[in-house]
Amino acid sequence: MGDTCGWCGDVLPSGRGRRYCPRPRPCRQAAYRAHRRAKAAIRARVALLQISQELQAHALALDELIAEALHAQQALPGAHCIAAADFQQLTRELVRCAVIADREASATWATIGKALGLSADAARARYGKVRLLWPPPPKPA
């Protein structure tokens, strides 16, 4: 019994050490495209991981801030709004990176829009020209 195609699983002709069907070429092309999509999505996935870690750190800091305010029975003016603004900015960037990762993994605009509560056209209009901007540039001191 011969080897099988790495993409569709059909039996390959013996000899030559092929990994994909020789003709037509859709198996080889599909495998190439899938490999390129997976490789392109790595940067966006790394950004998603970094942003989620920052969100966790902000959540822990907010927990401590609220606990201190409860024990002291006074709150720092504006501290809650600053913490909320940080979450808003990070979640916005998290959604942007998720859209980039999904598009690079060949998700359709309809799938992305459904997950975000948008139509396919609205998702394409809002996120169609989005590029990866992570990590953000350092803030001026």
C-alpha atoms as a PDB file:
ATOM      1  CA  MET A   1       0.000   0.000   0.000  1.00  0.00           C
ATOM      2  CA  GLY A   2       1.354   3.447  -0.920  1.00  0.00           C
ATOM      3  CA  ASP A   3       1.572   6.642   1.066  1.00  0.00           C
ATOM      4  CA  THR A   4      -1.422   8.915   1.505  1.00  0.00           C
ATOM      5  CA  CYS A   5      -1.867  12.576   0.631  1.00  0.00           C
ATOM      6  CA  GLY A   6      -1.092  14.822   3.571  1.00  0.00           C
ATOM      7  CA  TRP A   7      -4.150  16.934   2.805  1.00  0.00           C
ATOM      8  CA  CYS A   8      -7.017  14.778   1.533  1.00  0.00           C
ATOM      9  CA  GLY A   9      -5.872  11.300   2.583  1.00  0.00           C
ATOM     10  CA  ASP A  10      -6.079   9.700  -0.896  1.00  0.00           C
ATOM     11  CA  VAL A  11      -3.550   7.014  -1.751  1.00  0.00           C
ATOM     12  CA  LEU A  12      -0.573   8.417  -3.666  1.00  0.00           C
ATOM     13  CA  PRO A  13       1.161   6.673  -6.555  1.00  0.00           C
ATOM     14  CA  SER A  14       4.239   4.778  -5.385  1.00  0.00           C
ATOM     15  CA  GLY A  15       7.716   6.232  -5.741  1.00  0.00           C
ATOM     16  CA  ARG A  16       8.897   9.830  -5.927  1.00  0.00           C
ATOM     17  CA  GLY A  17       8.258  10.491  -2.182  1.00  0.00           C
ATOM     18  CA  ARG A  18       5.300  12.809  -2.693  1.00  0.00           C
ATOM     19  CA  ARG A  19       3.356  14.284   0.198  1.00  0.00           C
ATOM     20  CA  TYR A  20       0.332  15.569  -1.761  1.00  0.00           C
ATOM     21  CA  CYS A  21      -1.758  14.512  -4.747  1.00  0.00           C
ATOM     22  CA  PRO A  22       0.118  15.120  -8.038  1.00  0.00           C
ATOM     23  CA  ARG A  23      -2.859  16.179 -10.188  1.00  0.00           C
ATOM     24  CA  PRO A  24      -4.844  18.302  -9.908  1.00  0.00           C
ATOM     25  CA  ARG A  25      -2.892  20.554  -7.568  1.00  0.00           C
ATOM     26  CA  PRO A  26      -5.603  21.647  -5.099  1.00  0.00           C
ATOM     27  CA  CYS A  27      -4.225  19.536  -2.227  1.00  0.00           C
ATOM     28  CA  ARG A  28      -0.748  21.026  -2.502  1.00  0.00           C
ATOM     29  CA  GLN A  29      -2.127  24.538  -2.909  1.00  0.00           C
ATOM     30  CA  ALA A  30      -4.572  24.132  -0.008  1.00  0.00           C
ATOM     31  CA  ALA A  31      -1.784  22.838   2.249  1.00  0.00           C
ATOM     32  CA  TYR A  32       0.430  25.773   1.232  1.00  0.00           C
ATOM     33  CA  ARG A  33      -2.349  28.287   1.931  1.00  0.00           C
ATOM     34  CA  ALA A  34      -3.166  26.680   5.298  1.00  0.00           C
ATOM     35  CA  HIS A  35       0.511  26.790   6.272  1.00  0.00           C
ATOM     36  CA  ARG A  36       0.771  30.467   5.284  1.00  0.00           C
ATOM     37  CA  ARG A  37      -2.417  31.349   7.213  1.00  0.00           C
ATOM     38  CA  ALA A  38      -1.180  29.589  10.346  1.00  0.00           C
ATOM     39  CA  LYS A  39       2.187  31.307  10.114  1.00  0.00           C
ATOM     40  CA  ALA A  40       0.581  34.733   9.581  1.00  0.00           C
ATOM     41  CA  ALA A  41      -1.725  34.322  12.575  1.00  0.00           C
ATOM     42  CA  ILE A  42       1.143  33.726  15.037  1.00  0.00           C
ATOM     43  CA  ARG A  43       1.865  37.434  15.649  1.00  0.00           C
ATOM     44  CA  ALA A  44      -1.796  38.167  16.322  1.00  0.00           C
ATOM     45  CA  ARG A  45      -2.073  35.186  18.675  1.00  0.00           C
ATOM     46  CA  VAL A  46       1.010  36.322  20.602  1.00  0.00           C
ATOM     47  CA  ALA A  47      -0.543  39.781  20.886  1.00  0.00           C
ATOM     48  CA  LEU A  48      -3.777  38.212  22.178  1.00  0.00           C
ATOM     49  CA  LEU A  49      -1.817  36.371  24.847  1.00  0.00           C
ATOM     50  CA  GLN A  50       0.059  39.502  25.922  1.00  0.00           C
ATOM     51  CA  ILE A  51      -3.116  41.584  26.080  1.00  0.00           C
ATOM     52  CA  SER A  52      -4.922  38.919  28.111  1.00  0.00           C
ATOM     53  CA  GLN A  53      -2.021  38.878  30.577  1.00  0.00           C
ATOM     54  CA  GLU A  54      -2.209  42.664  30.882  1.00  0.00           C
ATOM     55  CA  LEU A  55      -5.960  42.437  31.466  1.00  0.00           C
ATOM     56  CA  GLN A  56      -5.356  39.931  34.254  1.00  0.00           C
ATOM     57  CA  ALA A  57      -2.779  42.227  35.850  1.00  0.00           C
ATOM     58  CA  HIS A  58      -5.187  45.182  35.627  1.00  0.00           C
ATOM     59  CA  ALA A  59      -7.984  43.096  37.130  1.00  0.00           C
ATOM     60  CA  LEU A  60      -5.778  42.164  40.099  1.00  0.00           C
ATOM     61  CA  ALA A  61      -4.757  45.799  40.568  1.00  0.00           C
ATOM     62  CA  LEU A  62      -8.410  46.867  40.456  1.00  0.00           C
ATOM     63  CA  ASP A  63      -9.287  44.220  43.062  1.00  0.00           C
ATOM     64  CA  GLU A  64      -6.609  45.603  45.363  1.00  0.00           C
ATOM     65  CA  LEU A  65      -7.745  49.184  44.743  1.00  0.00           C
ATOM     66  CA  ILE A  66     -11.351  48.360  45.605  1.00  0.00           C
ATOM     67  CA  ALA A  67     -10.314  46.364  48.699  1.00  0.00           C
ATOM     68  CA  GLU A  68      -8.180  49.263  49.944  1.00  0.00           C
ATOM     69  CA  ALA A  69     -11.016  51.714  49.327  1.00  0.00           C
ATOM     70  CA  LEU A  70     -13.445  49.490  51.282  1.00  0.00           C
ATOM     71  CA  HIS A  71     -11.089  49.086  54.242  1.00  0.00           C
ATOM     72  CA  ALA A  72     -10.183  52.767  54.344  1.00  0.00           C
ATOM     73  CA  GLN A  73     -13.832  53.718  53.700  1.00  0.00           C
ATOM     74  CA  GLN A  74     -12.677  56.335  51.244  1.00  0.00           C
ATOM     75  CA  ALA A  75     -11.789  56.178  47.599  1.00  0.00           C
ATOM     76  CA  LEU A  76      -9.101  57.886  45.647  1.00  0.00           C
ATOM     77  CA  PRO A  77     -10.745  60.467  43.379  1.00  0.00           C
ATOM     78  CA  GLY A  78     -10.650  59.365  39.746  1.00  0.00           C
ATOM     79  CA  ALA A  79      -8.929  56.022  40.398  1.00  0.00           C
ATOM     80  CA  HIS A  80     -11.931  53.981  39.320  1.00  0.00           C
ATOM     81  CA  CYS A  81     -12.340  55.865  36.045  1.00  0.00           C
ATOM     82  CA  ILE A  82      -8.643  55.476  35.266  1.00  0.00           C
ATOM     83  CA  ALA A  83      -8.886  51.712  35.859  1.00  0.00           C
ATOM     84  CA  ALA A  84     -12.024  51.469  33.711  1.00  0.00           C
ATOM     85  CA  ALA A  85     -10.396  53.447  30.893  1.00  0.00           C
ATOM     86  CA  ASP A  86      -7.424  51.045  30.928  1.00  0.00           C
ATOM     87  CA  PHE A  87      -9.822  48.092  30.592  1.00  0.00           C
ATOM     88  CA  GLN A  88     -11.692  49.778  27.750  1.00  0.00           C
ATOM     89  CA  GLN A  89      -8.500  50.425  25.795  1.00  0.00           C
ATOM     90  CA  LEU A  90      -7.153  46.903  26.373  1.00  0.00           C
ATOM     91  CA  THR A  91     -10.422  45.195  25.429  1.00  0.00           C
ATOM     92  CA  ARG A  92     -10.659  47.289  22.271  1.00  0.00           C
ATOM     93  CA  GLU A  93      -7.152  46.185  21.309  1.00  0.00           C
ATOM     94  CA  LEU A  94      -8.015  42.592  22.281  1.00  0.00           C
ATOM     95  CA  VAL A  95     -10.958  42.604  19.846  1.00  0.00           C
ATOM     96  CA  ARG A  96      -8.779  44.107  17.093  1.00  0.00           C
ATOM     97  CA  CYS A  97      -6.143  41.370  17.561  1.00  0.00           C
ATOM     98  CA  ALA A  98      -8.827  38.675  17.672  1.00  0.00           C
ATOM     99  CA  VAL A  99     -10.269  39.904  14.365  1.00  0.00           C
ATOM    100  CA  ILE A 100      -6.806  39.937  12.789  1.00  0.00           C
ATOM    101  CA  ALA A 101      -6.068  36.420  14.046  1.00  0.00           C
ATOM    102  CA  ASP A 102      -9.426  35.117  12.808  1.00  0.00           C
ATOM    103  CA  ARG A 103      -9.038  36.731   9.388  1.00  0.00           C
ATOM    104  CA  GLU A 104      -5.527  35.315   9.018  1.00  0.00           C
ATOM    105  CA  ALA A 105      -6.954  31.913   9.980  1.00  0.00           C
ATOM    106  CA  SER A 106      -9.436  32.353   7.074  1.00  0.00           C
ATOM    107  CA  ALA A 107     -12.579  33.148   9.087  1.00  0.00           C
ATOM    108  CA  THR A 108     -15.299  34.860   7.055  1.00  0.00           C
ATOM    109  CA  TRP A 109     -16.628  38.315   7.838  1.00  0.00           C
ATOM    110  CA  ALA A 110     -20.005  36.712   8.544  1.00  0.00           C
ATOM    111  CA  THR A 111     -18.464  34.504  11.253  1.00  0.00           C
ATOM    112  CA  ILE A 112     -16.573  37.419  12.796  1.00  0.00           C
ATOM    113  CA  GLY A 113     -19.594  39.716  12.606  1.00  0.00           C
ATOM    114  CA  LYS A 114     -21.845  37.139  14.248  1.00  0.00           C
ATOM    115  CA  ALA A 115     -19.426  36.763  17.167  1.00  0.00           C
ATOM    116  CA  LEU A 116     -19.283  40.548  17.619  1.00  0.00           C
ATOM    117  CA  GLY A 117     -23.010  41.117  17.184  1.00  0.00           C
ATOM    118  CA  LEU A 118     -22.557  42.811  13.800  1.00  0.00           C
ATOM    119  CA  SER A 119     -23.524  42.029  10.243  1.00  0.00           C
ATOM    120  CA  ALA A 120     -20.805  40.821   7.887  1.00  0.00           C
ATOM    121  CA  ASP A 121     -20.761  44.180   6.102  1.00  0.00           C
ATOM    122  CA  ALA A 122     -20.558  46.129   9.364  1.00  0.00           C
ATOM    123  CA  ALA A 123     -17.692  43.929  10.598  1.00  0.00           C
ATOM    124  CA  ARG A 124     -15.842  44.394   7.293  1.00  0.00           C
ATOM    125  CA  ALA A 125     -16.393  48.151   7.383  1.00  0.00           C
ATOM    126  CA  ARG A 126     -15.225  48.460  10.996  1.00  0.00           C
ATOM    127  CA  TYR A 127     -12.301  46.021  10.977  1.00  0.00           C
ATOM    128  CA  GLY A 128     -11.449  45.571   7.297  1.00  0.00           C
ATOM    129  CA  LYS A 129      -8.384  47.810   7.317  1.00  0.00           C
ATOM    130  CA  VAL A 130      -7.233  47.008  10.856  1.00  0.00           C
ATOM    131  CA  ARG A 131      -3.553  46.192  11.229  1.00  0.00           C
ATOM    132  CA  LEU A 132      -1.662  44.746  14.178  1.00  0.00           C
ATOM    133  CA  LEU A 133      -0.388  47.562  16.394  1.00  0.00           C
ATOM    134  CA  TRP A 134       0.881  45.506  19.303  1.00  0.00           C
ATOM    135  CA  PRO A 135       2.902  46.121  21.354  1.00  0.00           C
ATOM    136  CA  PRO A 136       1.884  49.767  21.537  1.00  0.00           C
ATOM    137  CA  PRO A 137       4.548  52.447  21.307  1.00  0.00           C
ATOM    138  CA  PRO A 138       5.928  53.544  24.703  1.00  0.00           C
ATOM    139  CA  LYS A 139       4.170  56.469  26.325  1.00  0.00           C
ATOM    140  CA  PRO A 140       6.203  59.676  26.580  1.00  0.00           C
ATOM    141  CA  ALA A 141       7.416  60.368  30.116  1.00  0.00           C
END
